[in-house]
Every structure is written in structure tokens, then in C-alpha cells.
PDB file of all heavy atoms in Angstrom:
ATOM      1  N   PRO A   1     -50.280 -45.626 122.978  1.00  0.00           N
ATOM      2  CA  PRO A   1     -51.442 -46.394 123.541  1.00  0.00           C
ATOM      3  C   PRO A   1     -50.964 -47.324 124.594  1.00  0.00           C
ATOM      4  O   PRO A   1     -49.839 -47.822 124.611  1.00  0.00           O
ATOM      5  CB  PRO A   1     -52.073 -47.180 122.318  1.00  0.00           C
ATOM      6  CG  PRO A   1     -50.914 -47.348 121.535  1.00  0.00           C
ATOM      7  CD  PRO A   1     -50.058 -46.115 121.608  1.00  0.00           C
ATOM      8  N   PRO A   2     -51.940 -47.623 125.563  1.00  0.00           N
ATOM      9  CA  PRO A   2     -51.626 -48.623 126.534  1.00  0.00           C
ATOM     10  C   PRO A   2     -51.068 -49.923 125.782  1.00  0.00           C
ATOM     11  O   PRO A   2     -51.489 -50.209 124.738  1.00  0.00           O
ATOM     12  CB  PRO A   2     -52.821 -48.862 127.400  1.00  0.00           C
ATOM     13  CG  PRO A   2     -53.639 -47.647 127.113  1.00  0.00           C
ATOM     14  CD  PRO A   2     -53.251 -47.164 125.744  1.00  0.00           C
ATOM     15  N   GLU A   3     -50.450 -50.907 126.612  1.00  0.00           N
ATOM     16  CA  GLU A   3     -50.088 -52.130 125.953  1.00  0.00           C
ATOM     17  C   GLU A   3     -51.310 -52.964 125.780  1.00  0.00           C
ATOM     18  O   GLU A   3     -52.439 -52.619 126.327  1.00  0.00           O
ATOM     19  CB  GLU A   3     -49.046 -52.871 126.867  1.00  0.00           C
ATOM     20  CG  GLU A   3     -47.776 -52.065 126.894  1.00  0.00           C
ATOM     21  CD  GLU A   3     -46.618 -53.038 127.344  1.00  0.00           C
ATOM     22  OE1 GLU A   3     -46.233 -53.774 126.672  1.00  0.00           O
ATOM     23  OE2 GLU A   3     -46.184 -52.755 128.517  1.00  0.00           O
ATOM     24  N   THR A   4     -51.205 -54.003 125.030  1.00  0.00           N
ATOM     25  CA  THR A   4     -52.420 -54.693 124.503  1.00  0.00           C
ATOM     26  C   THR A   4     -53.423 -55.006 125.577  1.00  0.00           C
ATOM     27  O   THR A   4     -54.673 -54.797 125.225  1.00  0.00           O
ATOM     28  CB  THR A   4     -51.885 -56.094 123.843  1.00  0.00           C
ATOM     29  OG1 THR A   4     -50.866 -55.796 122.983  1.00  0.00           O
ATOM     30  CG2 THR A   4     -53.099 -56.753 123.141  1.00  0.00           C
ATOM     31  N   LEU A   5     -53.154 -55.490 126.791  1.00  0.00           N
ATOM     32  CA  LEU A   5     -54.109 -55.811 127.718  1.00  0.00           C
ATOM     33  C   LEU A   5     -54.166 -54.830 128.977  1.00  0.00           C
ATOM     34  O   LEU A   5     -54.688 -55.163 129.929  1.00  0.00           O
ATOM     35  CB  LEU A   5     -53.749 -57.226 128.255  1.00  0.00           C
ATOM     36  CG  LEU A   5     -53.694 -58.381 127.241  1.00  0.00           C
ATOM     37  CD1 LEU A   5     -53.231 -59.638 127.825  1.00  0.00           C
ATOM     38  CD2 LEU A   5     -55.199 -58.584 126.584  1.00  0.00           C
ATOM     39  N   ALA A   6     -53.447 -53.732 128.586  1.00  0.00           N
ATOM     40  CA  ALA A   6     -53.444 -52.610 129.721  1.00  0.00           C
ATOM     41  C   ALA A   6     -54.650 -51.750 129.632  1.00  0.00           C
ATOM     42  O   ALA A   6     -55.095 -51.462 128.537  1.00  0.00           O
ATOM     43  CB  ALA A   6     -52.163 -51.905 129.608  1.00  0.00           C
ATOM     44  N   THR A   7     -55.097 -51.291 130.762  1.00  0.00           N
ATOM     45  CA  THR A   7     -56.238 -50.338 130.725  1.00  0.00           C
ATOM     46  C   THR A   7     -55.641 -48.870 130.882  1.00  0.00           C
ATOM     47  O   THR A   7     -54.480 -48.669 130.854  1.00  0.00           O
ATOM     48  CB  THR A   7     -57.170 -50.580 131.943  1.00  0.00           C
ATOM     49  OG1 THR A   7     -56.502 -50.153 133.129  1.00  0.00           O
ATOM     50  CG2 THR A   7     -57.505 -51.998 132.064  1.00  0.00           C
ATOM     51  N   THR A   8     -56.675 -47.896 130.915  1.00  0.00           N
ATOM     52  CA  THR A   8     -56.222 -46.547 130.998  1.00  0.00           C
ATOM     53  C   THR A   8     -55.698 -46.201 132.405  1.00  0.00           C
ATOM     54  O   THR A   8     -55.230 -45.092 132.726  1.00  0.00           O
ATOM     55  CB  THR A   8     -57.426 -45.636 130.738  1.00  0.00           C
ATOM     56  OG1 THR A   8     -58.487 -46.025 131.528  1.00  0.00           O
ATOM     57  CG2 THR A   8     -57.688 -45.615 129.283  1.00  0.00           C
ATOM     58  N   ALA A   9     -55.792 -47.077 133.358  1.00  0.00           N
ATOM     59  CA  ALA A   9     -55.228 -46.990 134.686  1.00  0.00           C
ATOM     60  C   ALA A   9     -53.908 -47.670 134.798  1.00  0.00           C
ATOM     61  O   ALA A   9     -53.853 -48.940 134.665  1.00  0.00           O
ATOM     62  CB  ALA A   9     -56.131 -47.403 135.803  1.00  0.00           C
ATOM     63  N   PRO A  10     -52.699 -47.084 134.843  1.00  0.00           N
ATOM     64  CA  PRO A  10     -51.449 -47.752 134.813  1.00  0.00           C
ATOM     65  C   PRO A  10     -51.351 -48.799 135.925  1.00  0.00           C
ATOM     66  O   PRO A  10     -51.681 -48.484 136.987  1.00  0.00           O
ATOM     67  CB  PRO A  10     -50.431 -46.544 135.059  1.00  0.00           C
ATOM     68  CG  PRO A  10     -51.222 -45.337 134.528  1.00  0.00           C
ATOM     69  CD  PRO A  10     -52.597 -45.546 134.844  1.00  0.00           C
ATOM     70  N   GLY A  11     -50.854 -49.931 135.484  1.00  0.00           N
ATOM     71  CA  GLY A  11     -50.710 -51.049 136.391  1.00  0.00           C
ATOM     72  C   GLY A  11     -52.009 -51.851 136.645  1.00  0.00           C
ATOM     73  O   GLY A  11     -52.006 -52.842 137.402  1.00  0.00           O
ATOM     74  N   VAL A  12     -53.068 -51.520 135.880  1.00  0.00           N
ATOM     75  CA  VAL A  12     -54.246 -52.263 135.903  1.00  0.00           C
ATOM     76  C   VAL A  12     -54.500 -52.906 134.625  1.00  0.00           C
ATOM     77  O   VAL A  12     -54.549 -52.170 133.586  1.00  0.00           O
ATOM     78  CB  VAL A  12     -55.455 -51.290 136.343  1.00  0.00           C
ATOM     79  CG1 VAL A  12     -56.824 -52.231 136.210  1.00  0.00           C
ATOM     80  CG2 VAL A  12     -55.222 -50.669 137.713  1.00  0.00           C
ATOM     81  N   PHE A  13     -54.668 -54.163 134.512  1.00  0.00           N
ATOM     82  CA  PHE A  13     -54.948 -54.917 133.230  1.00  0.00           C
ATOM     83  C   PHE A  13     -56.269 -55.579 133.191  1.00  0.00           C
ATOM     84  O   PHE A  13     -56.823 -55.809 134.216  1.00  0.00           O
ATOM     85  CB  PHE A  13     -53.731 -55.901 133.113  1.00  0.00           C
ATOM     86  CG  PHE A  13     -52.438 -55.296 133.254  1.00  0.00           C
ATOM     87  CD1 PHE A  13     -51.770 -55.260 134.532  1.00  0.00           C
ATOM     88  CD2 PHE A  13     -51.675 -54.959 132.120  1.00  0.00           C
ATOM     89  CE1 PHE A  13     -50.585 -54.684 134.662  1.00  0.00           C
ATOM     90  CE2 PHE A  13     -50.306 -54.418 132.213  1.00  0.00           C
ATOM     91  CZ  PHE A  13     -49.884 -54.156 133.498  1.00  0.00           C
ATOM     92  N   ALA A  14     -56.700 -55.815 131.974  1.00  0.00           N
ATOM     93  CA  ALA A  14     -57.986 -56.601 131.821  1.00  0.00           C
ATOM     94  C   ALA A  14     -57.741 -57.690 130.799  1.00  0.00           C
ATOM     95  O   ALA A  14     -57.232 -57.610 129.876  1.00  0.00           O
ATOM     96  CB  ALA A  14     -59.015 -55.647 131.289  1.00  0.00           C
ATOM     97  N   VAL A  15     -58.361 -58.914 131.173  1.00  0.00           N
ATOM     98  CA  VAL A  15     -58.307 -60.052 130.356  1.00  0.00           C
ATOM     99  C   VAL A  15     -59.513 -60.829 130.292  1.00  0.00           C
ATOM    100  O   VAL A  15     -60.323 -60.734 131.251  1.00  0.00           O
ATOM    101  CB  VAL A  15     -57.076 -61.019 130.915  1.00  0.00           C
ATOM    102  CG1 VAL A  15     -55.747 -60.309 130.787  1.00  0.00           C
ATOM    103  CG2 VAL A  15     -57.454 -61.469 132.411  1.00  0.00           C
ATOM    104  N   GLY A  16     -59.797 -61.567 129.285  1.00  0.00           N
ATOM    105  CA  GLY A  16     -60.932 -62.508 129.183  1.00  0.00           C
ATOM    106  C   GLY A  16     -62.131 -61.670 128.697  1.00  0.00           C
ATOM    107  O   GLY A  16     -62.123 -60.637 128.077  1.00  0.00           O
ATOM    108  N   ASP A  17     -63.334 -62.284 129.062  1.00  0.00           N
ATOM    109  CA  ASP A  17     -64.598 -61.756 128.511  1.00  0.00           C
ATOM    110  C   ASP A  17     -64.949 -60.316 128.988  1.00  0.00           C
ATOM    111  O   ASP A  17     -65.638 -59.689 128.261  1.00  0.00           O
ATOM    112  CB  ASP A  17     -65.735 -62.613 129.049  1.00  0.00           C
ATOM    113  CG  ASP A  17     -65.726 -64.022 128.386  1.00  0.00           C
ATOM    114  OD1 ASP A  17     -64.863 -64.254 127.530  1.00  0.00           O
ATOM    115  OD2 ASP A  17     -66.592 -64.883 128.696  1.00  0.00           O
ATOM    116  N   ILE A  18     -64.452 -59.806 130.078  1.00  0.00           N
ATOM    117  CA  ILE A  18     -64.680 -58.499 130.502  1.00  0.00           C
ATOM    118  C   ILE A  18     -63.971 -57.455 129.540  1.00  0.00           C
ATOM    119  O   ILE A  18     -64.388 -56.232 129.649  1.00  0.00           O
ATOM    120  CB  ILE A  18     -64.141 -58.186 131.986  1.00  0.00           C
ATOM    121  CG1 ILE A  18     -64.694 -57.111 132.540  1.00  0.00           C
ATOM    122  CG2 ILE A  18     -62.659 -58.200 132.066  1.00  0.00           C
ATOM    123  CD1 ILE A  18     -66.287 -57.054 132.565  1.00  0.00           C
ATOM    124  N   ARG A  19     -62.958 -57.852 128.809  1.00  0.00           N
ATOM    125  CA  ARG A  19     -62.309 -56.908 127.986  1.00  0.00           C
ATOM    126  C   ARG A  19     -63.091 -56.688 126.694  1.00  0.00           C
ATOM    127  O   ARG A  19     -63.480 -57.603 126.090  1.00  0.00           O
ATOM    128  CB  ARG A  19     -60.791 -57.516 127.623  1.00  0.00           C
ATOM    129  CG  ARG A  19     -59.913 -56.382 127.012  1.00  0.00           C
ATOM    130  CD  ARG A  19     -58.546 -57.098 126.776  1.00  0.00           C
ATOM    131  NE  ARG A  19     -58.635 -58.192 125.763  1.00  0.00           N
ATOM    132  CZ  ARG A  19     -58.639 -57.920 124.441  1.00  0.00           C
ATOM    133  NH1 ARG A  19     -58.511 -56.755 124.052  1.00  0.00           N
ATOM    134  NH2 ARG A  19     -58.710 -59.002 123.641  1.00  0.00           N
ATOM    135  N   ALA A  20     -63.162 -55.382 126.268  1.00  0.00           N
ATOM    136  CA  ALA A  20     -63.822 -55.114 125.136  1.00  0.00           C
ATOM    137  C   ALA A  20     -63.130 -55.652 123.842  1.00  0.00           C
ATOM    138  O   ALA A  20     -61.926 -55.610 123.791  1.00  0.00           O
ATOM    139  CB  ALA A  20     -63.974 -53.546 124.957  1.00  0.00           C
ATOM    140  N   GLY A  21     -63.846 -56.264 123.029  1.00  0.00           N
ATOM    141  CA  GLY A  21     -63.251 -56.819 121.791  1.00  0.00           C
ATOM    142  C   GLY A  21     -62.653 -58.235 122.032  1.00  0.00           C
ATOM    143  O   GLY A  21     -62.130 -58.741 121.061  1.00  0.00           O
ATOM    144  N   SER A  22     -62.702 -58.818 123.099  1.00  0.00           N
ATOM    145  CA  SER A  22     -62.214 -60.122 123.402  1.00  0.00           C
ATOM    146  C   SER A  22     -63.044 -61.196 122.694  1.00  0.00           C
ATOM    147  O   SER A  22     -64.205 -61.032 122.447  1.00  0.00           O
ATOM    148  CB  SER A  22     -62.026 -60.455 124.854  1.00  0.00           C
ATOM    149  OG  SER A  22     -63.355 -60.622 125.422  1.00  0.00           O
ATOM    150  N   MET A  23     -62.470 -62.399 122.268  1.00  0.00           N
ATOM    151  CA  MET A  23     -63.160 -63.473 121.754  1.00  0.00           C
ATOM    152  C   MET A  23     -63.675 -64.247 122.950  1.00  0.00           C
ATOM    153  O   MET A  23     -62.997 -64.768 123.822  1.00  0.00           O
ATOM    154  CB  MET A  23     -62.253 -64.351 120.900  1.00  0.00           C
ATOM    155  CG  MET A  23     -62.893 -65.549 120.339  1.00  0.00           C
ATOM    156  SD  MET A  23     -61.689 -66.485 119.272  1.00  0.00           S
ATOM    157  CE  MET A  23     -62.814 -67.735 118.659  1.00  0.00           C
ATOM    158  N   LYS A  24     -65.087 -64.453 122.917  1.00  0.00           N
ATOM    159  CA  LYS A  24     -65.689 -65.211 124.045  1.00  0.00           C
ATOM    160  C   LYS A  24     -65.534 -66.633 123.858  1.00  0.00           C
ATOM    161  O   LYS A  24     -66.522 -67.441 123.653  1.00  0.00           O
ATOM    162  CB  LYS A  24     -67.132 -64.727 124.137  1.00  0.00           C
ATOM    163  CG  LYS A  24     -67.369 -63.175 124.101  1.00  0.00           C
ATOM    164  CD  LYS A  24     -66.705 -62.655 125.351  1.00  0.00           C
ATOM    165  CE  LYS A  24     -67.076 -61.038 125.479  1.00  0.00           C
ATOM    166  NZ  LYS A  24     -66.417 -60.199 124.740  1.00  0.00           N
ATOM    167  N   ARG A  25     -64.344 -67.143 124.273  1.00  0.00           N
ATOM    168  CA  ARG A  25     -64.064 -68.634 124.174  1.00  0.00           C
ATOM    169  C   ARG A  25     -63.107 -68.911 125.393  1.00  0.00           C
ATOM    170  O   ARG A  25     -62.341 -68.124 125.792  1.00  0.00           O
ATOM    171  CB  ARG A  25     -63.438 -69.064 122.955  1.00  0.00           C
ATOM    172  CG  ARG A  25     -64.320 -69.086 121.725  1.00  0.00           C
ATOM    173  CD  ARG A  25     -65.296 -70.164 121.718  1.00  0.00           C
ATOM    174  NE  ARG A  25     -66.149 -70.300 120.449  1.00  0.00           N
ATOM    175  CZ  ARG A  25     -67.221 -69.795 120.291  1.00  0.00           C
ATOM    176  NH1 ARG A  25     -67.822 -68.954 121.163  1.00  0.00           N
ATOM    177  NH2 ARG A  25     -67.912 -69.955 119.064  1.00  0.00           N
ATOM    178  N   VAL A  26     -63.272 -70.104 125.947  1.00  0.00           N
ATOM    179  CA  VAL A  26     -62.482 -70.542 127.121  1.00  0.00           C
ATOM    180  C   VAL A  26     -60.960 -70.463 126.750  1.00  0.00           C
ATOM    181  O   VAL A  26     -60.264 -69.895 127.545  1.00  0.00           O
ATOM    182  CB  VAL A  26     -62.821 -71.927 127.606  1.00  0.00           C
ATOM    183  CG1 VAL A  26     -61.973 -72.408 128.720  1.00  0.00           C
ATOM    184  CG2 VAL A  26     -64.267 -71.890 127.981  1.00  0.00           C
ATOM    185  N   ALA A  27     -60.575 -71.045 125.623  1.00  0.00           N
ATOM    186  CA  ALA A  27     -59.175 -71.072 125.266  1.00  0.00           C
ATOM    187  C   ALA A  27     -58.617 -69.583 125.031  1.00  0.00           C
ATOM    188  O   ALA A  27     -57.390 -69.357 125.444  1.00  0.00           O
ATOM    189  CB  ALA A  27     -58.906 -71.888 123.984  1.00  0.00           C
ATOM    190  N   ALA A  28     -59.464 -68.736 124.425  1.00  0.00           N
ATOM    191  CA  ALA A  28     -59.015 -67.330 124.320  1.00  0.00           C
ATOM    192  C   ALA A  28     -58.783 -66.629 125.582  1.00  0.00           C
ATOM    193  O   ALA A  28     -57.832 -65.886 125.807  1.00  0.00           O
ATOM    194  CB  ALA A  28     -60.020 -66.611 123.399  1.00  0.00           C
ATOM    195  N   ALA A  29     -59.715 -66.840 126.495  1.00  0.00           N
ATOM    196  CA  ALA A  29     -59.629 -66.214 127.835  1.00  0.00           C
ATOM    197  C   ALA A  29     -58.297 -66.777 128.497  1.00  0.00           C
ATOM    198  O   ALA A  29     -57.515 -65.966 129.160  1.00  0.00           O
ATOM    199  CB  ALA A  29     -60.848 -66.544 128.723  1.00  0.00           C
TER     200      ALA A  29
END
């Protein structure tokens, strides 16, 4: 599987509220 914050496009990552399953809190983001 891609690494924890990696998307299905190699070299493209997703963080914060836009990421599925993320905790919607400022500190978590």
C-alpha cells in the first residue's frame, strides 16, 4: 500500500481535513 499519507499518485501526498479518515482538529492537521 502507499505510505500513510501518500495517495495513489506517486509523489503526491494528502494531509489534514481533505484526507479521508483524518481527525478534524487543528492539532491533528
